[in-house]
Amino acid sequence: MQTRSLKVQSPWLRIARLISITGLILSLGSIFTFIVMNAVMGEVPSIESVYWQRLFVSRITEVLILPGVGLLVVGAIILSLKQYGFFRNTWISVLQILVVLIVINSVNITLLAGRVTEIAVRQWQTSVFIPEYMNLKSAEDIFGAVNVVMMIICLIVPFYKNEN
C-alpha cells in the first residue's frame, strides 16, 4: 500500500484558489443565464422583450460577471506570485495566458454589451427595430462563447494536470 504525504498548504493559497473558483462560478453561472434567456426569447423577439432582456444583461454584467472576472484575476495573481511563478511550465503558462485573454475579451464584451443595450433602449423608445442591433448582438454572443470556452478550460486544466 502506497501512502502519500500531504503537503501543508498556506491558507493564502487555499484562499486564492477559492477566490479563483468563485470568480469562475460567478461569471459562468451568469453567462449561462444569458444563454437561457436567448433561447427563451426565440428568433424574433419583440422590441419590448429585447429592451427588458438588455437591462437584465447589463445589470448582471455589472454585478456578477465583472466582479467574477476580477476575482479570477486576483486569485490567479496570488497563485502565480505565491506558488507557481509566471510562465514556469506549460500548464501554468496556458492558464496565465487564458486569464489575460479572458480579461481582454471581457472588456470587449462589456463595451459591446453597452452599445447593444443603448440600441435596445433606442429601439424601445422609438418602437422601430434598428438593424445594427442584431449584428452587434451576434458579435457579443460570439465573444461570450469564446469566454465560456476559455473559462471552462481554466477549470479543467488544473484537474487534468493533477492527474498527470
C-alpha atoms as a PDB file:
ATOM      1  CA  MET A   1       0.000   0.000   0.000  1.00  0.00           C
ATOM      2  CA  GLN A   2       1.352   3.332  -1.027  1.00  0.00           C
ATOM      3  CA  THR A   3       0.895   6.403   1.110  1.00  0.00           C
ATOM      4  CA  ARG A   4       1.035   9.980   0.035  1.00  0.00           C
ATOM      5  CA  SER A   5       2.424  12.703   2.144  1.00  0.00           C
ATOM      6  CA  LEU A   6       0.065  15.596   2.414  1.00  0.00           C
ATOM      7  CA  LYS A   7       1.564  18.939   1.578  1.00  0.00           C
ATOM      8  CA  VAL A   8       0.796  21.584   4.096  1.00  0.00           C
ATOM      9  CA  GLN A   9      -0.651  24.444   2.115  1.00  0.00           C
ATOM     10  CA  SER A  10      -0.614  28.019   3.115  1.00  0.00           C
ATOM     11  CA  PRO A  11      -4.046  29.384   3.975  1.00  0.00           C
ATOM     12  CA  TRP A  12      -3.354  32.122   1.418  1.00  0.00           C
ATOM     13  CA  LEU A  13      -3.059  29.561  -1.356  1.00  0.00           C
ATOM     14  CA  ARG A  14      -6.335  27.942  -0.362  1.00  0.00           C
ATOM     15  CA  ILE A  15      -7.992  31.343  -0.260  1.00  0.00           C
ATOM     16  CA  ALA A  16      -6.517  32.244  -3.663  1.00  0.00           C
ATOM     17  CA  ARG A  17      -7.880  29.024  -5.164  1.00  0.00           C
ATOM     18  CA  LEU A  18     -11.264  29.691  -3.605  1.00  0.00           C
ATOM     19  CA  ILE A  19     -11.237  33.243  -4.958  1.00  0.00           C
ATOM     20  CA  SER A  20     -10.402  31.999  -8.472  1.00  0.00           C
ATOM     21  CA  ILE A  21     -13.062  29.305  -8.447  1.00  0.00           C
ATOM     22  CA  THR A  22     -15.652  31.719  -7.033  1.00  0.00           C
ATOM     23  CA  GLY A  23     -14.850  34.169  -9.824  1.00  0.00           C
ATOM     24  CA  LEU A  24     -15.257  31.489 -12.464  1.00  0.00           C
ATOM     25  CA  ILE A  25     -18.537  30.311 -10.950  1.00  0.00           C
ATOM     26  CA  LEU A  26     -19.955  33.849 -10.774  1.00  0.00           C
ATOM     27  CA  SER A  27     -19.021  34.539 -14.371  1.00  0.00           C
ATOM     28  CA  LEU A  28     -20.010  31.196 -15.863  1.00  0.00           C
ATOM     29  CA  GLY A  29     -23.270  30.981 -13.943  1.00  0.00           C
ATOM     30  CA  SER A  30     -24.283  34.416 -15.116  1.00  0.00           C
ATOM     31  CA  ILE A  31     -23.325  33.717 -18.698  1.00  0.00           C
ATOM     32  CA  PHE A  32     -25.425  30.559 -18.700  1.00  0.00           C
ATOM     33  CA  THR A  33     -28.459  32.633 -17.669  1.00  0.00           C
ATOM     34  CA  PHE A  34     -27.892  34.743 -20.786  1.00  0.00           C
ATOM     35  CA  ILE A  35     -27.826  31.606 -22.912  1.00  0.00           C
ATOM     36  CA  VAL A  36     -31.150  30.511 -21.438  1.00  0.00           C
ATOM     37  CA  MET A  37     -32.627  33.970 -21.984  1.00  0.00           C
ATOM     38  CA  ASN A  38     -31.569  33.926 -25.635  1.00  0.00           C
ATOM     39  CA  ALA A  39     -33.171  30.517 -26.091  1.00  0.00           C
ATOM     40  CA  VAL A  40     -36.409  31.618 -24.430  1.00  0.00           C
ATOM     41  CA  MET A  41     -36.575  34.829 -26.475  1.00  0.00           C
ATOM     42  CA  GLY A  42     -36.650  32.892 -29.730  1.00  0.00           C
ATOM     43  CA  GLU A  43     -35.504  34.037 -33.133  1.00  0.00           C
ATOM     44  CA  VAL A  44     -37.808  37.041 -33.497  1.00  0.00           C
ATOM     45  CA  PRO A  45     -38.248  38.692 -30.096  1.00  0.00           C
ATOM     46  CA  SER A  46     -40.372  41.784 -29.646  1.00  0.00           C
ATOM     47  CA  ILE A  47     -38.718  45.159 -29.188  1.00  0.00           C
ATOM     48  CA  GLU A  48     -40.056  45.332 -25.646  1.00  0.00           C
ATOM     49  CA  SER A  49     -38.707  41.903 -24.666  1.00  0.00           C
ATOM     50  CA  VAL A  50     -35.313  42.826 -26.141  1.00  0.00           C
ATOM     51  CA  TYR A  51     -35.341  46.016 -24.068  1.00  0.00           C
ATOM     52  CA  TRP A  52     -36.031  44.189 -20.808  1.00  0.00           C
ATOM     53  CA  GLN A  53     -33.531  41.463 -21.611  1.00  0.00           C
ATOM     54  CA  ARG A  54     -30.807  44.031 -22.258  1.00  0.00           C
ATOM     55  CA  LEU A  55     -31.496  45.832 -18.992  1.00  0.00           C
ATOM     56  CA  PHE A  56     -31.154  42.499 -17.179  1.00  0.00           C
ATOM     57  CA  VAL A  57     -27.982  41.577 -19.089  1.00  0.00           C
ATOM     58  CA  SER A  58     -26.377  44.948 -18.370  1.00  0.00           C
ATOM     59  CA  ARG A  59     -27.118  44.750 -14.663  1.00  0.00           C
ATOM     60  CA  ILE A  60     -25.926  41.141 -14.314  1.00  0.00           C
ATOM     61  CA  THR A  61     -22.748  42.002 -16.200  1.00  0.00           C
ATOM     62  CA  GLU A  62     -22.024  44.833 -13.772  1.00  0.00           C
ATOM     63  CA  VAL A  63     -22.986  42.946 -10.623  1.00  0.00           C
ATOM     64  CA  LEU A  64     -21.773  39.387 -11.270  1.00  0.00           C
ATOM     65  CA  ILE A  65     -19.663  38.886 -14.382  1.00  0.00           C
ATOM     66  CA  LEU A  66     -17.191  41.741 -13.987  1.00  0.00           C
ATOM     67  CA  PRO A  67     -16.642  41.068 -10.266  1.00  0.00           C
ATOM     68  CA  GLY A  68     -16.275  37.377 -11.131  1.00  0.00           C
ATOM     69  CA  VAL A  69     -13.577  38.121 -13.683  1.00  0.00           C
ATOM     70  CA  GLY A  70     -11.946  40.421 -11.134  1.00  0.00           C
ATOM     71  CA  LEU A  71     -11.883  37.623  -8.563  1.00  0.00           C
ATOM     72  CA  LEU A  72     -10.425  35.254 -11.155  1.00  0.00           C
ATOM     73  CA  VAL A  73      -7.625  37.723 -11.859  1.00  0.00           C
ATOM     74  CA  VAL A  74      -6.895  38.359  -8.175  1.00  0.00           C
ATOM     75  CA  GLY A  75      -6.786  34.635  -7.435  1.00  0.00           C
ATOM     76  CA  ALA A  76      -4.587  33.937 -10.456  1.00  0.00           C
ATOM     77  CA  ILE A  77      -2.134  36.677  -9.496  1.00  0.00           C
ATOM     78  CA  ILE A  78      -1.880  35.454  -5.900  1.00  0.00           C
ATOM     79  CA  LEU A  79      -1.381  31.859  -7.027  1.00  0.00           C
ATOM     80  CA  SER A  80       1.227  32.912  -9.569  1.00  0.00           C
ATOM     81  CA  LEU A  81       3.132  35.053  -7.087  1.00  0.00           C
ATOM     82  CA  LYS A  82       2.968  32.713  -4.107  1.00  0.00           C
ATOM     83  CA  GLN A  83       3.112  29.234  -5.581  1.00  0.00           C
ATOM     84  CA  TYR A  84       3.520  28.752  -9.289  1.00  0.00           C
ATOM     85  CA  GLY A  85       5.550  31.644 -10.648  1.00  0.00           C
ATOM     86  CA  PHE A  86       4.989  33.210 -14.027  1.00  0.00           C
ATOM     87  CA  PHE A  87       5.361  31.070 -17.145  1.00  0.00           C
ATOM     88  CA  ARG A  88       7.266  28.388 -15.237  1.00  0.00           C
ATOM     89  CA  ASN A  89       5.855  25.464 -17.169  1.00  0.00           C
ATOM     90  CA  THR A  90       3.391  24.737 -19.937  1.00  0.00           C
ATOM     91  CA  TRP A  91       0.196  24.287 -17.949  1.00  0.00           C
ATOM     92  CA  ILE A  92       0.846  27.343 -15.781  1.00  0.00           C
ATOM     93  CA  SER A  93       1.565  29.376 -18.905  1.00  0.00           C
ATOM     94  CA  VAL A  94      -1.661  28.182 -20.540  1.00  0.00           C
ATOM     95  CA  LEU A  95      -3.711  29.221 -17.517  1.00  0.00           C
ATOM     96  CA  GLN A  96      -1.983  32.579 -17.161  1.00  0.00           C
ATOM     97  CA  ILE A  97      -2.426  33.389 -20.841  1.00  0.00           C
ATOM     98  CA  LEU A  98      -6.070  32.310 -20.666  1.00  0.00           C
ATOM     99  CA  VAL A  99      -6.715  34.609 -17.710  1.00  0.00           C
ATOM    100  CA  VAL A 100      -5.227  37.539 -19.631  1.00  0.00           C
ATOM    101  CA  LEU A 101      -7.318  36.654 -22.700  1.00  0.00           C
ATOM    102  CA  ILE A 102     -10.454  36.347 -20.555  1.00  0.00           C
ATOM    103  CA  VAL A 103      -9.855  39.822 -19.153  1.00  0.00           C
ATOM    104  CA  ILE A 104      -9.260  41.344 -22.595  1.00  0.00           C
ATOM    105  CA  ASN A 105     -12.292  39.576 -24.032  1.00  0.00           C
ATOM    106  CA  SER A 106     -14.425  40.614 -21.045  1.00  0.00           C
ATOM    107  CA  VAL A 107     -13.535  44.255 -21.610  1.00  0.00           C
ATOM    108  CA  ASN A 108     -14.538  43.898 -25.275  1.00  0.00           C
ATOM    109  CA  ILE A 109     -17.780  42.169 -24.324  1.00  0.00           C
ATOM    110  CA  THR A 110     -18.611  44.839 -21.758  1.00  0.00           C
ATOM    111  CA  LEU A 111     -18.069  47.655 -24.247  1.00  0.00           C
ATOM    112  CA  LEU A 112     -20.043  45.811 -26.899  1.00  0.00           C
ATOM    113  CA  ALA A 113     -22.840  44.994 -24.443  1.00  0.00           C
ATOM    114  CA  GLY A 114     -23.119  48.668 -23.578  1.00  0.00           C
ATOM    115  CA  ARG A 115     -23.597  49.545 -27.239  1.00  0.00           C
ATOM    116  CA  VAL A 116     -26.124  46.739 -27.719  1.00  0.00           C
ATOM    117  CA  THR A 117     -28.096  47.924 -24.697  1.00  0.00           C
ATOM    118  CA  GLU A 118     -28.057  51.523 -25.958  1.00  0.00           C
ATOM    119  CA  ILE A 119     -29.526  50.352 -29.254  1.00  0.00           C
ATOM    120  CA  ALA A 120     -32.151  48.270 -27.444  1.00  0.00           C
ATOM    121  CA  VAL A 121     -33.177  51.335 -25.448  1.00  0.00           C
ATOM    122  CA  ARG A 122     -33.403  53.423 -28.646  1.00  0.00           C
ATOM    123  CA  GLN A 123     -35.485  50.691 -30.279  1.00  0.00           C
ATOM    124  CA  TRP A 124     -37.841  50.646 -27.309  1.00  0.00           C
ATOM    125  CA  GLN A 125     -38.134  54.443 -27.254  1.00  0.00           C
ATOM    126  CA  THR A 126     -38.842  54.720 -30.981  1.00  0.00           C
ATOM    127  CA  SER A 127     -40.650  51.376 -31.437  1.00  0.00           C
ATOM    128  CA  VAL A 128     -38.510  50.832 -34.532  1.00  0.00           C
ATOM    129  CA  PHE A 129     -36.184  47.885 -34.991  1.00  0.00           C
ATOM    130  CA  ILE A 130     -32.586  49.017 -35.632  1.00  0.00           C
ATOM    131  CA  PRO A 131     -30.748  46.522 -37.905  1.00  0.00           C
ATOM    132  CA  GLU A 132     -27.387  47.210 -36.249  1.00  0.00           C
ATOM    133  CA  TYR A 133     -28.745  45.583 -33.086  1.00  0.00           C
ATOM    134  CA  MET A 134     -28.604  42.030 -34.437  1.00  0.00           C
ATOM    135  CA  ASN A 135     -25.076  42.424 -35.819  1.00  0.00           C
ATOM    136  CA  LEU A 136     -23.714  43.717 -32.523  1.00  0.00           C
ATOM    137  CA  LYS A 137     -25.731  41.204 -30.505  1.00  0.00           C
ATOM    138  CA  SER A 138     -24.317  38.363 -32.616  1.00  0.00           C
ATOM    139  CA  ALA A 139     -20.777  39.641 -32.057  1.00  0.00           C
ATOM    140  CA  GLU A 140     -21.454  39.868 -28.315  1.00  0.00           C
ATOM    141  CA  ASP A 141     -22.719  36.274 -28.315  1.00  0.00           C
ATOM    142  CA  ILE A 142     -19.605  35.046 -30.139  1.00  0.00           C
ATOM    143  CA  PHE A 143     -17.238  36.835 -27.757  1.00  0.00           C
ATOM    144  CA  GLY A 144     -19.268  35.450 -24.858  1.00  0.00           C
ATOM    145  CA  ALA A 145     -18.987  31.914 -26.200  1.00  0.00           C
ATOM    146  CA  VAL A 146     -15.219  32.320 -26.505  1.00  0.00           C
ATOM    147  CA  ASN A 147     -15.063  33.457 -22.874  1.00  0.00           C
ATOM    148  CA  VAL A 148     -17.124  30.465 -21.760  1.00  0.00           C
ATOM    149  CA  VAL A 149     -14.743  28.085 -23.524  1.00  0.00           C
ATOM    150  CA  MET A 150     -11.691  29.775 -22.001  1.00  0.00           C
ATOM    151  CA  MET A 151     -13.230  29.707 -18.513  1.00  0.00           C
ATOM    152  CA  ILE A 152     -14.115  26.035 -18.813  1.00  0.00           C
ATOM    153  CA  ILE A 153     -10.543  25.313 -19.887  1.00  0.00           C
ATOM    154  CA  CYS A 154      -9.345  27.220 -16.804  1.00  0.00           C
ATOM    155  CA  LEU A 155     -11.475  24.908 -14.689  1.00  0.00           C
ATOM    156  CA  ILE A 156     -10.411  21.691 -16.425  1.00  0.00           C
ATOM    157  CA  VAL A 157      -6.649  22.183 -16.856  1.00  0.00           C
ATOM    158  CA  PRO A 158      -5.765  22.102 -13.125  1.00  0.00           C
ATOM    159  CA  PHE A 159      -7.651  18.826 -12.672  1.00  0.00           C
ATOM    160  CA  TYR A 160      -6.052  17.301 -15.752  1.00  0.00           C
ATOM    161  CA  LYS A 161      -2.650  18.488 -14.593  1.00  0.00           C
ATOM    162  CA  ASN A 162      -3.145  16.876 -11.179  1.00  0.00           C
ATOM    163  CA  GLU A 163      -3.978  13.545 -12.819  1.00  0.00           C
ATOM    164  CA  ASN A 164      -0.771  13.511 -14.866  1.00  0.00           C
END
